[in-house]
Amino acid sequence: MKKFCALLPVLLSGAFVLADAQAVPSPDSMKSQEELTRAITALDKQLFDAYNICNIEKLGTLVTDDLEFYHDKTGLAVGKQSFLKAIKENICGKVTRELVAGSLEVYPLHGYGAVEIGVHRFHHPTDSDVGEAKFVQLWQYKDGAWKISRVISYDHGGAK
């Protein structure tokens, strides 16, 4: 089995796209689980659209300065700059991500934001290998914006 370059977490492809994380309503204003799921789905799409085209500036707007990224193969990375550097060096032009349809779960975190859980696939444009991993992401709603504060990316291997 080839080593996969899926070094960073990735999320999902939603049915709609919002202009930016500030355009997504606050968790307190949402009236249903369905509305929260749509909002986090849209945020996931924003994050991974930026990831897939290496839009580092956009990625930087979607994560907290104190981001903690836990990865089963590479360990803990702390901070926005560490995350963006890893994307530039290990992802750009080498890997794209897609959410596995039907795998997304979203749950509210009272007073904080939401947790997103799912499975994603990593495609390597230079070969036919496809990697897959599970992820958990904490979305924090603070100062009128949604940002990822914590990520756990695990169970990396070949696509199932």
C-alpha atoms as a PDB file:
ATOM      1  CA  MET A   1       0.000   0.000   0.000  1.00  0.00           C
ATOM      2  CA  LYS A   2       1.392   3.395  -0.955  1.00  0.00           C
ATOM      3  CA  LYS A   3       1.852   6.070   1.652  1.00  0.00           C
ATOM      4  CA  PHE A   4      -0.932   8.621   1.456  1.00  0.00           C
ATOM      5  CA  CYS A   5      -0.308  12.353   1.531  1.00  0.00           C
ATOM      6  CA  ALA A   6      -3.528  13.061   3.388  1.00  0.00           C
ATOM      7  CA  LEU A   7      -1.795  14.999   6.136  1.00  0.00           C
ATOM      8  CA  LEU A   8      -4.585  17.382   6.985  1.00  0.00           C
ATOM      9  CA  PRO A   9      -8.308  17.013   7.664  1.00  0.00           C
ATOM     10  CA  VAL A  10     -10.920  17.718   5.165  1.00  0.00           C
ATOM     11  CA  LEU A  11     -14.645  18.070   5.349  1.00  0.00           C
ATOM     12  CA  LEU A  12     -17.694  18.017   3.064  1.00  0.00           C
ATOM     13  CA  SER A  13     -19.433  19.154  -0.084  1.00  0.00           C
ATOM     14  CA  GLY A  14     -22.700  20.920   0.676  1.00  0.00           C
ATOM     15  CA  ALA A  15     -25.742  21.736  -1.380  1.00  0.00           C
ATOM     16  CA  PHE A  16     -25.103  25.467  -1.221  1.00  0.00           C
ATOM     17  CA  VAL A  17     -22.227  27.868  -0.649  1.00  0.00           C
ATOM     18  CA  LEU A  18     -22.257  30.976   1.484  1.00  0.00           C
ATOM     19  CA  ALA A  19     -19.965  33.903   0.751  1.00  0.00           C
ATOM     20  CA  ASP A  20     -17.901  33.521   3.914  1.00  0.00           C
ATOM     21  CA  ALA A  21     -17.944  32.199   7.450  1.00  0.00           C
ATOM     22  CA  GLN A  22     -19.400  35.460   8.732  1.00  0.00           C
ATOM     23  CA  ALA A  23     -22.475  34.957   6.509  1.00  0.00           C
ATOM     24  CA  VAL A  24     -23.399  31.740   8.343  1.00  0.00           C
ATOM     25  CA  PRO A  25     -25.893  32.423  11.151  1.00  0.00           C
ATOM     26  CA  SER A  26     -24.928  32.108  14.807  1.00  0.00           C
ATOM     27  CA  PRO A  27     -25.776  28.778  16.457  1.00  0.00           C
ATOM     28  CA  ASP A  28     -28.222  30.513  18.814  1.00  0.00           C
ATOM     29  CA  SER A  29     -30.240  31.895  15.897  1.00  0.00           C
ATOM     30  CA  MET A  30     -30.732  28.466  14.315  1.00  0.00           C
ATOM     31  CA  LYS A  31     -34.068  26.902  15.028  1.00  0.00           C
ATOM     32  CA  SER A  32     -33.409  23.295  14.033  1.00  0.00           C
ATOM     33  CA  GLN A  33     -30.835  20.558  13.712  1.00  0.00           C
ATOM     34  CA  GLU A  34     -31.389  20.655   9.950  1.00  0.00           C
ATOM     35  CA  GLU A  35     -30.449  24.346   9.829  1.00  0.00           C
ATOM     36  CA  LEU A  36     -27.256  23.711  11.824  1.00  0.00           C
ATOM     37  CA  THR A  37     -26.324  20.800   9.555  1.00  0.00           C
ATOM     38  CA  ARG A  38     -26.841  22.968   6.449  1.00  0.00           C
ATOM     39  CA  ALA A  39     -24.670  25.716   7.961  1.00  0.00           C
ATOM     40  CA  ILE A  40     -21.787  23.395   8.890  1.00  0.00           C
ATOM     41  CA  THR A  41     -22.073  21.652   5.516  1.00  0.00           C
ATOM     42  CA  ALA A  42     -21.660  25.039   3.821  1.00  0.00           C
ATOM     43  CA  LEU A  43     -18.663  25.861   6.019  1.00  0.00           C
ATOM     44  CA  ASP A  44     -17.102  22.488   5.251  1.00  0.00           C
ATOM     45  CA  LYS A  45     -17.541  23.185   1.550  1.00  0.00           C
ATOM     46  CA  GLN A  46     -15.880  26.592   1.899  1.00  0.00           C
ATOM     47  CA  LEU A  47     -12.964  25.048   3.772  1.00  0.00           C
ATOM     48  CA  PHE A  48     -12.363  22.253   1.335  1.00  0.00           C
ATOM     49  CA  ASP A  49     -12.968  24.274  -1.805  1.00  0.00           C
ATOM     50  CA  ALA A  50     -10.119  26.496  -0.555  1.00  0.00           C
ATOM     51  CA  TYR A  51      -8.043  23.421   0.397  1.00  0.00           C
ATOM     52  CA  ASN A  52      -8.509  21.822  -3.022  1.00  0.00           C
ATOM     53  CA  ILE A  53      -7.348  24.906  -4.947  1.00  0.00           C
ATOM     54  CA  CYS A  54      -4.701  25.937  -2.404  1.00  0.00           C
ATOM     55  CA  ASN A  55      -6.347  29.223  -1.448  1.00  0.00           C
ATOM     56  CA  ILE A  56      -4.204  29.774   1.637  1.00  0.00           C
ATOM     57  CA  GLU A  57      -5.703  33.194   2.366  1.00  0.00           C
ATOM     58  CA  LYS A  58      -9.239  31.763   2.516  1.00  0.00           C
ATOM     59  CA  LEU A  59      -8.097  28.789   4.617  1.00  0.00           C
ATOM     60  CA  GLY A  60      -6.567  31.215   7.106  1.00  0.00           C
ATOM     61  CA  THR A  61      -9.946  32.892   7.620  1.00  0.00           C
ATOM     62  CA  LEU A  62     -11.592  29.587   8.560  1.00  0.00           C
ATOM     63  CA  VAL A  63      -9.301  28.446  11.387  1.00  0.00           C
ATOM     64  CA  THR A  64      -8.471  29.928  14.787  1.00  0.00           C
ATOM     65  CA  ASP A  65      -5.007  31.257  15.581  1.00  0.00           C
ATOM     66  CA  ASP A  66      -4.638  28.533  18.238  1.00  0.00           C
ATOM     67  CA  LEU A  67      -5.843  25.667  16.013  1.00  0.00           C
ATOM     68  CA  GLU A  68      -4.927  22.205  17.306  1.00  0.00           C
ATOM     69  CA  PHE A  69      -4.713  19.521  14.640  1.00  0.00           C
ATOM     70  CA  TYR A  70      -4.343  15.928  15.833  1.00  0.00           C
ATOM     71  CA  HIS A  71      -3.318  13.470  13.093  1.00  0.00           C
ATOM     72  CA  ASP A  72      -2.838   9.744  13.623  1.00  0.00           C
ATOM     73  CA  LYS A  73       0.225   9.620  11.318  1.00  0.00           C
ATOM     74  CA  THR A  74       1.959  12.949  11.995  1.00  0.00           C
ATOM     75  CA  GLY A  75       0.917  13.816  15.555  1.00  0.00           C
ATOM     76  CA  LEU A  76      -0.089  17.198  16.914  1.00  0.00           C
ATOM     77  CA  ALA A  77       0.327  20.487  15.043  1.00  0.00           C
ATOM     78  CA  VAL A  78      -0.532  23.698  16.872  1.00  0.00           C
ATOM     79  CA  GLY A  79      -1.384  27.090  15.412  1.00  0.00           C
ATOM     80  CA  LYS A  80      -2.794  28.573  12.238  1.00  0.00           C
ATOM     81  CA  GLN A  81       0.625  29.237  10.691  1.00  0.00           C
ATOM     82  CA  SER A  82       1.744  25.637  11.216  1.00  0.00           C
ATOM     83  CA  PHE A  83      -1.461  24.434   9.543  1.00  0.00           C
ATOM     84  CA  LEU A  84      -1.100  26.768   6.557  1.00  0.00           C
ATOM     85  CA  LYS A  85       2.569  25.847   6.115  1.00  0.00           C
ATOM     86  CA  ALA A  86       1.691  22.128   6.127  1.00  0.00           C
ATOM     87  CA  ILE A  87      -0.999  22.734   3.491  1.00  0.00           C
ATOM     88  CA  LYS A  88       1.463  24.595   1.248  1.00  0.00           C
ATOM     89  CA  GLU A  89       4.178  21.955   1.608  1.00  0.00           C
ATOM     90  CA  ASN A  90       2.151  18.722   1.642  1.00  0.00           C
ATOM     91  CA  ILE A  91      -1.212  19.330  -0.020  1.00  0.00           C
ATOM     92  CA  CYS A  92      -1.061  22.009  -2.730  1.00  0.00           C
ATOM     93  CA  GLY A  93      -1.000  20.322  -6.131  1.00  0.00           C
ATOM     94  CA  LYS A  94      -0.645  16.884  -4.533  1.00  0.00           C
ATOM     95  CA  VAL A  95      -3.981  16.025  -2.910  1.00  0.00           C
ATOM     96  CA  THR A  96      -7.636  16.939  -3.174  1.00  0.00           C
ATOM     97  CA  ARG A  97     -10.346  16.008  -0.731  1.00  0.00           C
ATOM     98  CA  GLU A  98     -13.971  14.967  -1.035  1.00  0.00           C
ATOM     99  CA  LEU A  99     -16.490  14.214   1.668  1.00  0.00           C
ATOM    100  CA  VAL A 100     -17.876  10.676   1.571  1.00  0.00           C
ATOM    101  CA  ALA A 101     -21.578  11.082   0.810  1.00  0.00           C
ATOM    102  CA  GLY A 102     -23.822  10.278   3.748  1.00  0.00           C
ATOM    103  CA  SER A 103     -21.000  10.275   6.315  1.00  0.00           C
ATOM    104  CA  LEU A 104     -21.482  13.750   7.771  1.00  0.00           C
ATOM    105  CA  GLU A 105     -22.821  14.164  11.306  1.00  0.00           C
ATOM    106  CA  VAL A 106     -23.270  17.555  12.980  1.00  0.00           C
ATOM    107  CA  TYR A 107     -24.092  18.223  16.622  1.00  0.00           C
ATOM    108  CA  PRO A 108     -24.520  21.501  18.517  1.00  0.00           C
ATOM    109  CA  LEU A 109     -22.082  22.424  21.288  1.00  0.00           C
ATOM    110  CA  HIS A 110     -23.968  24.795  23.578  1.00  0.00           C
ATOM    111  CA  GLY A 111     -22.192  28.105  24.084  1.00  0.00           C
ATOM    112  CA  TYR A 112     -19.398  27.140  21.673  1.00  0.00           C
ATOM    113  CA  GLY A 113     -20.559  26.130  18.198  1.00  0.00           C
ATOM    114  CA  ALA A 114     -20.747  22.677  16.661  1.00  0.00           C
ATOM    115  CA  VAL A 115     -18.936  19.402  16.175  1.00  0.00           C
ATOM    116  CA  GLU A 116     -18.628  17.905  12.689  1.00  0.00           C
ATOM    117  CA  ILE A 117     -17.851  14.203  12.210  1.00  0.00           C
ATOM    118  CA  GLY A 118     -17.388  12.375   8.943  1.00  0.00           C
ATOM    119  CA  VAL A 119     -15.275  10.433   6.490  1.00  0.00           C
ATOM    120  CA  HIS A 120     -13.338  11.947   3.628  1.00  0.00           C
ATOM    121  CA  ARG A 121     -11.369  10.692   0.642  1.00  0.00           C
ATOM    122  CA  PHE A 122      -8.087  12.071  -0.603  1.00  0.00           C
ATOM    123  CA  HIS A 123      -7.305  11.888  -4.293  1.00  0.00           C
ATOM    124  CA  HIS A 124      -3.775  12.074  -5.615  1.00  0.00           C
ATOM    125  CA  PRO A 125      -3.802  13.559  -9.144  1.00  0.00           C
ATOM    126  CA  THR A 126      -0.515  11.899 -10.137  1.00  0.00           C
ATOM    127  CA  ASP A 127      -1.685   8.330  -9.507  1.00  0.00           C
ATOM    128  CA  SER A 128      -4.798   6.257  -8.954  1.00  0.00           C
ATOM    129  CA  ASP A 129      -4.368   5.862  -5.188  1.00  0.00           C
ATOM    130  CA  VAL A 130      -7.258   7.057  -3.070  1.00  0.00           C
ATOM    131  CA  GLY A 131      -6.863   7.494   0.671  1.00  0.00           C
ATOM    132  CA  GLU A 132      -9.608   7.667   3.233  1.00  0.00           C
ATOM    133  CA  ALA A 133      -9.802   8.898   6.825  1.00  0.00           C
ATOM    134  CA  LYS A 134     -12.265   9.774   9.543  1.00  0.00           C
ATOM    135  CA  PHE A 135     -12.374  13.228  11.096  1.00  0.00           C
ATOM    136  CA  VAL A 136     -13.831  15.248  13.938  1.00  0.00           C
ATOM    137  CA  GLN A 137     -13.801  19.035  13.709  1.00  0.00           C
ATOM    138  CA  LEU A 138     -14.884  21.576  16.291  1.00  0.00           C
ATOM    139  CA  TRP A 139     -16.393  24.723  14.806  1.00  0.00           C
ATOM    140  CA  GLN A 140     -16.281  27.673  17.187  1.00  0.00           C
ATOM    141  CA  TYR A 141     -18.673  30.603  16.771  1.00  0.00           C
ATOM    142  CA  LYS A 142     -16.986  33.702  18.169  1.00  0.00           C
ATOM    143  CA  ASP A 143     -17.092  37.407  17.372  1.00  0.00           C
ATOM    144  CA  GLY A 144     -19.616  36.847  14.591  1.00  0.00           C
ATOM    145  CA  ALA A 145     -17.613  34.214  12.684  1.00  0.00           C
ATOM    146  CA  TRP A 146     -17.326  30.426  12.488  1.00  0.00           C
ATOM    147  CA  LYS A 147     -13.806  28.971  12.618  1.00  0.00           C
ATOM    148  CA  ILE A 148     -12.339  25.536  13.189  1.00  0.00           C
ATOM    149  CA  SER A 149     -10.500  25.347  16.515  1.00  0.00           C
ATOM    150  CA  ARG A 150      -9.738  21.637  16.852  1.00  0.00           C
ATOM    151  CA  VAL A 151      -9.363  18.771  14.382  1.00  0.00           C
ATOM    152  CA  ILE A 152      -8.808  15.064  14.879  1.00  0.00           C
ATOM    153  CA  SER A 153      -7.972  13.181  11.680  1.00  0.00           C
ATOM    154  CA  TYR A 154      -7.544   9.425  12.100  1.00  0.00           C
ATOM    155  CA  ASP A 155      -7.835   5.932  10.640  1.00  0.00           C
ATOM    156  CA  HIS A 156      -5.939   6.898   7.462  1.00  0.00           C
ATOM    157  CA  GLY A 157      -5.618   4.169   4.876  1.00  0.00           C
ATOM    158  CA  GLY A 158      -6.841   3.064   1.491  1.00  0.00           C
ATOM    159  CA  ALA A 159     -10.375   3.887   0.420  1.00  0.00           C
ATOM    160  CA  LYS A 160     -12.888   1.304   1.575  1.00  0.00           C
END
